[in-house]
Each structure stands twice: as C-alpha cells, then as structure tokens.
C-alpha cells in the first residue's frame, strides 16, 4: 500500500517517455518508414498514370490539371477578396461582455476571493484529486476546491 502512495502520478505525456527505449525508437522508425513508403507509392502512381498510361493523351491530361489548378487559385483568390471586402477594418467575431470573478467562479463552484487568488498566481496551479474531490494546488498556499467537479458518494 505504501508503494502506491509514494508513487508519483504523472500526466499521460510524461508517462509516454517511461516506456522502454526500444519501443519508442521502434515507433519513430515505423512512422518514418511508413511515410517514405507512402511517398514512393504516390510518386510511382503519378508516374504511371500521368506518363506511362496517358501516352498520347499526356498533353490533354496536363491541360485538365492546369485548368483545375487555375480554377482553384481563382476560387481561393475570390474567397480572399470577399473576406477582405466583408471584414476589412471590422471585428470578425462578436465581442462578449466581460464577466466578473464572482460570475466565473460561480460556474466552477469557486468563491470570488479564491478566483482572485488563482488569477494572481505567478506559478502554475496544479489540479489534484484527493478524497473524491478536485483541488487547485498552489505551492505554499492553501488548496482551492473546485466545487463543480465534486464527486459526492
């Protein structure tokens, strides 16, 4: 029982580095090889379809591709102009009214005084789970219970 209590609980991204080195290197190597294989397949397929299979039709295939490219560029250019015309020197999104600390704290079940403490913290406030409750823990200060996440059993 003491081993579990003394064991430090790490977040998921830190636990990922606890796996064996061989597995981590194997995953990275697999990702690189899979990417290379897909790029080779793409280049080979394009070569087969555009050069070998097209044969005499190569010029018409390239014309279709060029027309598609020009159409895409024109469409994106029109969209950019439309957005510039509509939003130039204007706010794109509606401004929401500012909420006081007491309003925000009431959403999370935290008092306005504790919300002010959390806002003034220069260090990170860590979330801990103890006794079926979640707390913001700040070094050297009293913990703040997150009332919204209370799990009453």
Protein backbone atom coordinates (compact mmCIF):
# COMPACT_ATOMS: atom_id res chain seq x y z
CA UNK A 1 0.00 0.00 0.00
CA UNK A 2 2.87 2.38 0.76
CA UNK A 3 4.36 1.84 -2.70
CA UNK A 4 1.20 3.17 -4.36
CA UNK A 5 1.01 6.18 -2.04
CA UNK A 6 4.65 7.17 -2.61
CA UNK A 7 4.49 6.67 -6.37
CA UNK A 8 4.24 9.99 -8.15
CA UNK A 9 1.30 10.27 -10.55
CA UNK A 10 2.49 11.65 -13.88
CA UNK A 11 0.39 13.09 -16.69
CA UNK A 12 -0.07 11.00 -19.84
CA UNK A 13 2.50 12.90 -21.91
CA UNK A 14 5.16 12.25 -19.24
CA UNK A 15 4.21 8.57 -18.99
CA UNK A 16 4.84 8.16 -22.70
CA UNK A 17 8.56 8.67 -22.07
CA UNK A 18 8.56 5.95 -19.39
CA UNK A 19 8.11 3.22 -22.00
CA UNK A 20 11.16 1.16 -23.00
CA UNK A 21 13.62 2.87 -25.32
CA UNK A 22 13.32 0.11 -27.92
CA UNK A 23 9.56 0.63 -28.23
CA UNK A 24 9.91 4.42 -28.53
CA UNK A 25 12.60 4.13 -31.22
CA UNK A 26 10.59 1.42 -32.98
CA UNK A 27 7.54 3.69 -33.20
CA UNK A 28 9.61 6.56 -34.59
CA UNK A 29 11.31 4.30 -37.12
CA UNK A 30 7.96 2.82 -38.17
CA UNK A 31 6.49 6.30 -38.67
CA UNK A 32 9.42 7.41 -40.82
CA UNK A 33 9.40 4.22 -42.92
CA UNK A 34 5.62 4.33 -43.40
CA UNK A 35 5.87 7.95 -44.57
CA UNK A 36 8.65 7.11 -47.02
CA UNK A 37 6.72 4.14 -48.40
CA UNK A 38 3.63 6.30 -48.94
CA UNK A 39 5.66 9.00 -50.73
CA UNK A 40 7.27 6.40 -53.01
CA UNK A 41 3.85 4.92 -53.76
CA UNK A 42 2.43 8.38 -54.57
CA UNK A 43 5.31 9.27 -56.90
CA UNK A 44 5.18 5.88 -58.61
CA UNK A 45 1.40 6.12 -59.08
CA UNK A 46 1.63 9.64 -60.52
CA UNK A 47 4.38 8.50 -62.91
CA UNK A 48 2.28 5.51 -64.04
CA UNK A 49 -0.94 7.48 -64.51
CA UNK A 50 0.47 10.68 -65.98
CA UNK A 51 3.35 9.41 -68.10
CA UNK A 52 3.03 5.69 -68.87
CA UNK A 53 -0.77 5.22 -69.09
CA UNK A 54 -1.52 8.62 -70.62
CA UNK A 55 0.85 8.15 -73.57
CA UNK A 56 -0.51 10.30 -76.39
CA UNK A 57 -3.09 11.90 -74.12
CA UNK A 58 -0.41 13.41 -71.88
CA UNK A 59 -0.92 16.92 -73.23
CA UNK A 60 -4.68 16.80 -72.64
CA UNK A 61 -4.16 15.41 -69.12
CA UNK A 62 -1.75 18.25 -68.31
CA UNK A 63 -4.26 20.77 -69.70
CA UNK A 64 -7.00 19.42 -67.44
CA UNK A 65 -4.66 19.59 -64.45
CA UNK A 66 -3.63 23.17 -65.33
CA UNK A 67 -7.28 24.26 -65.71
CA UNK A 68 -8.10 22.68 -62.35
CA UNK A 69 -5.14 24.47 -60.74
CA UNK A 70 -6.15 27.83 -62.23
CA UNK A 71 -9.76 27.34 -61.14
CA UNK A 72 -8.64 26.53 -57.58
CA UNK A 73 -6.38 29.60 -57.44
CA UNK A 74 -9.17 31.81 -58.81
CA UNK A 75 -11.68 30.43 -56.31
CA UNK A 76 -9.33 30.97 -53.36
CA UNK A 77 -8.48 34.46 -54.64
CA UNK A 78 -12.18 35.33 -54.88
CA UNK A 79 -12.74 33.99 -51.36
CA UNK A 80 -9.84 36.05 -50.04
CA UNK A 81 -11.21 39.20 -51.71
CA UNK A 82 -14.70 38.51 -50.35
CA UNK A 83 -13.36 38.12 -46.80
CA UNK A 84 -11.26 41.26 -47.13
CA UNK A 85 -14.23 43.25 -48.51
CA UNK A 86 -16.57 41.99 -45.80
CA UNK A 87 -14.27 42.20 -42.76
CA UNK A 88 -11.77 44.97 -43.62
CA UNK A 89 -11.36 47.16 -40.52
CA UNK A 90 -14.19 45.31 -38.77
CA UNK A 91 -14.30 42.77 -35.98
CA UNK A 92 -14.86 39.27 -37.32
CA UNK A 93 -16.47 37.96 -34.19
CA UNK A 94 -18.96 39.38 -31.77
CA UNK A 95 -17.45 40.68 -28.55
CA UNK A 96 -18.75 39.00 -25.43
CA UNK A 97 -19.37 41.09 -22.32
CA UNK A 98 -16.72 40.77 -19.64
CA UNK A 99 -17.64 38.64 -16.65
CA UNK A 100 -16.60 39.37 -13.12
CA UNK A 101 -14.64 36.93 -10.99
CA UNK A 102 -17.76 36.12 -8.98
CA UNK A 103 -19.66 35.10 -12.14
CA UNK A 104 -16.83 32.94 -13.46
CA UNK A 105 -16.21 31.46 -10.01
CA UNK A 106 -19.89 30.54 -9.65
CA UNK A 107 -19.60 28.43 -12.83
CA UNK A 108 -16.81 26.38 -11.24
CA UNK A 109 -18.08 26.46 -7.66
CA UNK A 110 -15.20 28.69 -6.51
CA UNK A 111 -15.57 31.89 -4.48
CA UNK A 112 -14.59 35.28 -5.94
CA UNK A 113 -11.74 35.57 -3.40
CA UNK A 114 -10.29 32.22 -4.49
CA UNK A 115 -10.71 33.18 -8.16
CA UNK A 116 -8.68 36.33 -7.47
CA UNK A 117 -6.00 34.15 -5.79
CA UNK A 118 -5.87 31.88 -8.85
CA UNK A 119 -5.61 34.87 -11.16
CA UNK A 120 -2.71 36.39 -9.18
CA UNK A 121 -0.66 33.19 -9.07
CA UNK A 122 2.77 33.50 -10.66
CA UNK A 123 3.33 29.75 -10.51
CA UNK A 124 1.22 27.04 -12.08
CA UNK A 125 -1.82 25.84 -10.18
CA UNK A 126 -1.83 22.05 -10.32
CA UNK A 127 -5.10 20.12 -10.22
CA UNK A 128 -5.08 17.26 -7.72
CA UNK A 129 -7.67 14.64 -6.84
CA UNK A 130 -7.95 13.87 -3.12
CA UNK A 131 -10.78 12.38 -1.07
CA UNK A 132 -13.13 12.23 -4.05
CA UNK A 133 -12.65 15.97 -4.73
CA UNK A 134 -10.60 18.05 -7.13
CA UNK A 135 -8.39 20.90 -5.87
CA UNK A 136 -6.24 23.64 -7.36
CA UNK A 137 -2.93 23.39 -5.50
CA UNK A 138 -0.56 26.34 -5.40
CA UNK A 139 2.89 25.97 -3.81
CA UNK A 140 2.94 27.45 -0.32
CA UNK A 141 -0.77 28.30 -0.25
CA UNK A 142 -3.98 26.66 0.85
CA UNK A 143 -5.65 24.41 -1.76
CA UNK A 144 -8.79 25.61 -3.53
CA UNK A 145 -11.58 23.08 -4.03
CA UNK A 146 -13.21 23.01 -7.48
CA UNK A 147 -16.84 22.71 -6.44
CA UNK A 148 -18.13 21.99 -9.94
CA UNK A 149 -16.12 18.75 -10.05
CA UNK A 150 -17.18 17.48 -6.63
CA UNK A 151 -17.95 13.78 -6.63
CA UNK A 152 -20.21 13.17 -3.67
CA UNK A 153 -20.52 9.48 -2.99
